[in-house]
Amino acid sequence: MAPAALELSSRWDEKGTVLAHGVRLDLMGKNRWESKDPDGKPWIQDWTKLVQEKGSGWIEYKELNPGAGNKIMNKASFVELKDHMIIGCGVYY
């Protein structure tokens, strides 16, 4: 099994628009509200609901890993709501 890879943090608004991304600069300014992982999980909507209800927490989903040749991998991200921004950092495994 490949070692886990940590992603630099990202920032999103509460409507799914990428405000900053530590790796995927091509995503900045794009709205990904309707994005789903390969299993159909609307992870951006899910983490937005999570932080609006609890302030912060962990969420698991699948995502392209740019550090592994864009291979689809499992990912766990910690997200937190701060000043109407969702700040997240995740690890691929």
N, C-alpha and C. Protein backbone atom coordinates (compact mmCIF):
# COMPACT_ATOMS: atom_id res chain seq x y z
N MET A 1 0.84 -1.18 0.00
CA MET A 1 0.00 0.00 0.00
C MET A 1 0.89 1.25 0.00
N ALA A 2 0.50 2.23 -0.80
CA ALA A 2 1.25 3.48 -0.89
C ALA A 2 1.06 4.29 0.39
N PRO A 3 2.09 5.07 0.77
CA PRO A 3 1.95 5.90 1.97
C PRO A 3 0.90 6.99 1.74
N ALA A 4 0.34 7.46 2.82
CA ALA A 4 -0.64 8.54 2.74
C ALA A 4 0.04 9.82 2.27
N ALA A 5 -0.70 10.67 1.61
CA ALA A 5 -0.17 11.95 1.15
C ALA A 5 -1.05 13.06 1.69
N LEU A 6 -0.44 14.03 2.35
CA LEU A 6 -1.17 15.15 2.92
C LEU A 6 -1.34 16.24 1.88
N GLU A 7 -2.53 16.81 1.83
CA GLU A 7 -2.79 17.92 0.92
C GLU A 7 -2.65 19.22 1.69
N LEU A 8 -2.11 20.24 1.03
CA LEU A 8 -2.08 21.55 1.63
C LEU A 8 -3.51 22.05 1.76
N SER A 9 -3.72 23.02 2.59
CA SER A 9 -5.08 23.46 2.87
C SER A 9 -5.75 24.13 1.68
N SER A 10 -7.08 24.13 1.73
CA SER A 10 -7.89 24.82 0.74
C SER A 10 -8.94 25.63 1.47
N ARG A 11 -9.50 26.60 0.75
CA ARG A 11 -10.55 27.44 1.31
C ARG A 11 -11.69 27.55 0.32
N TRP A 12 -12.91 27.49 0.83
CA TRP A 12 -14.11 27.49 0.02
C TRP A 12 -15.12 28.44 0.65
N ASP A 13 -16.03 28.99 -0.16
CA ASP A 13 -17.15 29.70 0.45
C ASP A 13 -18.27 28.70 0.72
N GLU A 14 -19.33 29.15 1.36
CA GLU A 14 -20.41 28.24 1.75
C GLU A 14 -21.33 27.88 0.59
N LYS A 15 -21.01 28.36 -0.61
CA LYS A 15 -21.79 28.01 -1.80
C LYS A 15 -21.00 27.11 -2.75
N GLY A 16 -19.81 26.66 -2.32
CA GLY A 16 -19.04 25.71 -3.11
C GLY A 16 -17.99 26.29 -4.02
N THR A 17 -17.70 27.58 -3.92
CA THR A 17 -16.68 28.20 -4.77
C THR A 17 -15.32 28.09 -4.10
N VAL A 18 -14.32 27.66 -4.88
CA VAL A 18 -12.95 27.52 -4.37
C VAL A 18 -12.33 28.91 -4.28
N LEU A 19 -11.93 29.30 -3.07
CA LEU A 19 -11.29 30.60 -2.85
C LEU A 19 -9.76 30.48 -2.89
N ALA A 20 -9.24 29.35 -2.48
CA ALA A 20 -7.80 29.10 -2.50
C ALA A 20 -7.59 27.60 -2.45
N HIS A 21 -6.53 27.14 -3.10
CA HIS A 21 -6.21 25.71 -3.08
C HIS A 21 -4.70 25.56 -3.09
N GLY A 22 -4.19 24.75 -2.18
CA GLY A 22 -2.74 24.60 -2.03
C GLY A 22 -2.06 23.85 -3.15
N VAL A 23 -2.79 23.11 -3.96
CA VAL A 23 -2.20 22.30 -5.02
C VAL A 23 -2.83 22.60 -6.38
N ARG A 24 -4.13 22.62 -6.45
CA ARG A 24 -4.86 22.74 -7.72
C ARG A 24 -5.27 24.18 -7.98
N LEU A 25 -4.32 24.97 -8.44
CA LEU A 25 -4.59 26.38 -8.71
C LEU A 25 -5.64 26.58 -9.79
N ASP A 26 -5.82 25.58 -10.66
CA ASP A 26 -6.83 25.66 -11.73
C ASP A 26 -8.25 25.69 -11.18
N LEU A 27 -8.43 25.31 -9.92
CA LEU A 27 -9.77 25.29 -9.33
C LEU A 27 -10.19 26.64 -8.73
N MET A 28 -9.25 27.54 -8.53
CA MET A 28 -9.57 28.81 -7.88
C MET A 28 -10.63 29.57 -8.65
N GLY A 29 -11.66 30.01 -7.93
CA GLY A 29 -12.75 30.77 -8.53
C GLY A 29 -13.85 29.91 -9.11
N LYS A 30 -13.66 28.60 -9.16
CA LYS A 30 -14.66 27.70 -9.74
C LYS A 30 -15.65 27.23 -8.68
N ASN A 31 -16.90 27.13 -9.07
CA ASN A 31 -17.92 26.61 -8.18
C ASN A 31 -18.03 25.11 -8.40
N ARG A 32 -17.89 24.36 -7.32
CA ARG A 32 -17.93 22.89 -7.40
C ARG A 32 -19.07 22.31 -6.57
N TRP A 33 -20.09 23.12 -6.31
CA TRP A 33 -21.21 22.70 -5.47
C TRP A 33 -21.82 21.38 -5.93
N GLU A 34 -21.95 21.20 -7.22
CA GLU A 34 -22.60 20.00 -7.75
C GLU A 34 -21.64 18.82 -7.94
N SER A 35 -20.37 19.00 -7.60
CA SER A 35 -19.38 17.93 -7.77
C SER A 35 -19.72 16.73 -6.88
N LYS A 36 -19.49 15.56 -7.43
CA LYS A 36 -19.68 14.31 -6.68
C LYS A 36 -18.45 13.44 -6.85
N ASP A 37 -18.18 12.61 -5.86
CA ASP A 37 -17.06 11.69 -6.01
C ASP A 37 -17.51 10.52 -6.89
N PRO A 38 -16.60 9.59 -7.24
CA PRO A 38 -16.96 8.48 -8.14
C PRO A 38 -18.11 7.60 -7.63
N ASP A 39 -18.36 7.64 -6.33
CA ASP A 39 -19.47 6.86 -5.78
C ASP A 39 -20.77 7.67 -5.72
N GLY A 40 -20.74 8.89 -6.24
CA GLY A 40 -21.94 9.74 -6.25
C GLY A 40 -22.14 10.57 -5.00
N LYS A 41 -21.15 10.61 -4.13
CA LYS A 41 -21.26 11.37 -2.88
C LYS A 41 -21.04 12.86 -3.16
N PRO A 42 -22.01 13.73 -2.80
CA PRO A 42 -21.83 15.17 -3.00
C PRO A 42 -21.01 15.77 -1.86
N TRP A 43 -19.72 15.51 -1.87
CA TRP A 43 -18.87 15.80 -0.73
C TRP A 43 -18.77 17.27 -0.37
N ILE A 44 -18.85 18.15 -1.32
CA ILE A 44 -18.78 19.58 -0.98
C ILE A 44 -20.06 19.99 -0.24
N GLN A 45 -21.20 19.51 -0.71
CA GLN A 45 -22.45 19.78 0.00
C GLN A 45 -22.43 19.15 1.39
N ASP A 46 -21.87 17.93 1.48
CA ASP A 46 -21.81 17.24 2.77
C ASP A 46 -20.92 17.97 3.76
N TRP A 47 -19.75 18.45 3.32
CA TRP A 47 -18.88 19.11 4.30
C TRP A 47 -19.41 20.48 4.65
N THR A 48 -20.14 21.12 3.72
CA THR A 48 -20.75 22.41 4.04
C THR A 48 -21.81 22.22 5.13
N LYS A 49 -22.64 21.21 4.99
CA LYS A 49 -23.65 20.91 6.00
C LYS A 49 -22.99 20.59 7.34
N LEU A 50 -21.91 19.80 7.30
CA LEU A 50 -21.19 19.42 8.51
C LEU A 50 -20.71 20.65 9.27
N VAL A 51 -20.03 21.58 8.59
CA VAL A 51 -19.48 22.74 9.30
C VAL A 51 -20.57 23.72 9.72
N GLN A 52 -21.66 23.79 8.95
CA GLN A 52 -22.75 24.68 9.35
C GLN A 52 -23.45 24.15 10.61
N GLU A 53 -23.52 22.83 10.76
CA GLU A 53 -24.17 22.24 11.93
C GLU A 53 -23.26 22.10 13.14
N LYS A 54 -21.97 21.77 12.90
CA LYS A 54 -21.08 21.45 14.02
C LYS A 54 -19.87 22.38 14.15
N GLY A 55 -19.61 23.21 13.14
CA GLY A 55 -18.45 24.10 13.19
C GLY A 55 -17.20 23.51 12.57
N SER A 56 -17.00 22.19 12.76
CA SER A 56 -15.84 21.50 12.19
C SER A 56 -16.05 20.01 12.28
N GLY A 57 -15.19 19.27 11.57
CA GLY A 57 -15.25 17.82 11.64
C GLY A 57 -14.55 17.15 10.48
N TRP A 58 -14.56 15.83 10.49
CA TRP A 58 -13.93 15.00 9.46
C TRP A 58 -14.97 14.51 8.47
N ILE A 59 -14.56 14.37 7.21
CA ILE A 59 -15.41 13.81 6.17
C ILE A 59 -14.54 12.94 5.28
N GLU A 60 -15.09 11.82 4.81
CA GLU A 60 -14.37 10.92 3.90
C GLU A 60 -15.09 10.86 2.57
N TYR A 61 -14.30 10.81 1.50
CA TYR A 61 -14.81 10.76 0.13
C TYR A 61 -13.69 10.29 -0.78
N LYS A 62 -13.93 10.23 -2.07
CA LYS A 62 -12.89 9.86 -3.04
C LYS A 62 -12.61 11.07 -3.92
N GLU A 63 -11.33 11.25 -4.28
CA GLU A 63 -10.93 12.41 -5.06
C GLU A 63 -9.67 12.09 -5.85
N LEU A 64 -9.46 12.81 -6.94
CA LEU A 64 -8.22 12.68 -7.70
C LEU A 64 -7.05 13.15 -6.84
N ASN A 65 -5.98 12.38 -6.81
CA ASN A 65 -4.79 12.76 -6.06
C ASN A 65 -3.74 13.26 -7.05
N PRO A 66 -3.52 14.58 -7.13
CA PRO A 66 -2.54 15.10 -8.08
C PRO A 66 -1.11 14.64 -7.79
N GLY A 67 -0.83 14.25 -6.56
CA GLY A 67 0.50 13.77 -6.20
C GLY A 67 0.74 12.32 -6.59
N ALA A 68 -0.32 11.65 -7.08
CA ALA A 68 -0.20 10.24 -7.49
C ALA A 68 -0.71 10.08 -8.92
N GLY A 69 -0.41 11.06 -9.76
CA GLY A 69 -0.79 10.97 -11.16
C GLY A 69 -2.29 11.04 -11.40
N ASN A 70 -2.99 11.79 -10.53
CA ASN A 70 -4.45 11.94 -10.62
C ASN A 70 -5.21 10.63 -10.45
N LYS A 71 -4.62 9.71 -9.73
CA LYS A 71 -5.30 8.46 -9.38
C LYS A 71 -6.44 8.78 -8.40
N ILE A 72 -7.59 8.14 -8.58
CA ILE A 72 -8.69 8.31 -7.63
C ILE A 72 -8.36 7.53 -6.38
N MET A 73 -8.38 8.24 -5.24
CA MET A 73 -8.03 7.62 -3.96
C MET A 73 -9.03 8.02 -2.89
N ASN A 74 -9.07 7.25 -1.84
CA ASN A 74 -9.84 7.65 -0.66
C ASN A 74 -9.17 8.87 -0.04
N LYS A 75 -9.99 9.74 0.53
CA LYS A 75 -9.46 10.94 1.16
C LYS A 75 -10.26 11.24 2.41
N ALA A 76 -9.58 11.63 3.46
CA ALA A 76 -10.21 12.12 4.68
C ALA A 76 -9.79 13.56 4.86
N SER A 77 -10.75 14.45 5.04
CA SER A 77 -10.45 15.87 5.21
C SER A 77 -11.05 16.38 6.51
N PHE A 78 -10.29 17.24 7.17
CA PHE A 78 -10.80 17.97 8.31
C PHE A 78 -11.20 19.34 7.80
N VAL A 79 -12.44 19.74 8.07
CA VAL A 79 -12.95 21.04 7.60
C VAL A 79 -13.46 21.83 8.79
N GLU A 80 -13.33 23.15 8.67
CA GLU A 80 -13.77 24.05 9.74
C GLU A 80 -14.34 25.31 9.12
N LEU A 81 -15.40 25.82 9.72
CA LEU A 81 -16.02 27.06 9.26
C LEU A 81 -15.44 28.22 10.06
N LYS A 82 -14.90 29.20 9.34
CA LYS A 82 -14.30 30.38 9.98
C LYS A 82 -14.61 31.60 9.13
N ASP A 83 -15.33 32.56 9.68
CA ASP A 83 -15.68 33.79 8.97
C ASP A 83 -16.32 33.51 7.61
N HIS A 84 -17.29 32.60 7.59
CA HIS A 84 -18.03 32.21 6.38
C HIS A 84 -17.16 31.55 5.32
N MET A 85 -15.99 31.07 5.72
CA MET A 85 -15.11 30.32 4.83
C MET A 85 -14.95 28.92 5.39
N ILE A 86 -14.94 27.94 4.49
CA ILE A 86 -14.66 26.57 4.89
C ILE A 86 -13.18 26.31 4.62
N ILE A 87 -12.45 26.01 5.65
CA ILE A 87 -11.02 25.74 5.53
C ILE A 87 -10.82 24.25 5.74
N GLY A 88 -10.12 23.62 4.81
CA GLY A 88 -9.94 22.18 4.89
C GLY A 88 -8.53 21.74 4.60
N CYS A 89 -8.19 20.60 5.15
CA CYS A 89 -6.91 19.94 4.90
C CYS A 89 -7.18 18.46 4.91
N GLY A 90 -6.66 17.75 3.89
CA GLY A 90 -6.98 16.34 3.80
C GLY A 90 -5.77 15.44 3.59
N VAL A 91 -6.01 14.16 3.76
CA VAL A 91 -4.98 13.16 3.54
C VAL A 91 -5.56 12.06 2.65
N TYR A 92 -4.78 11.68 1.64
CA TYR A 92 -5.16 10.58 0.75
C TYR A 92 -4.64 9.28 1.33
N TYR A 93 -5.38 8.20 1.12
CA TYR A 93 -4.92 6.90 1.63
C TYR A 93 -5.42 5.78 0.75
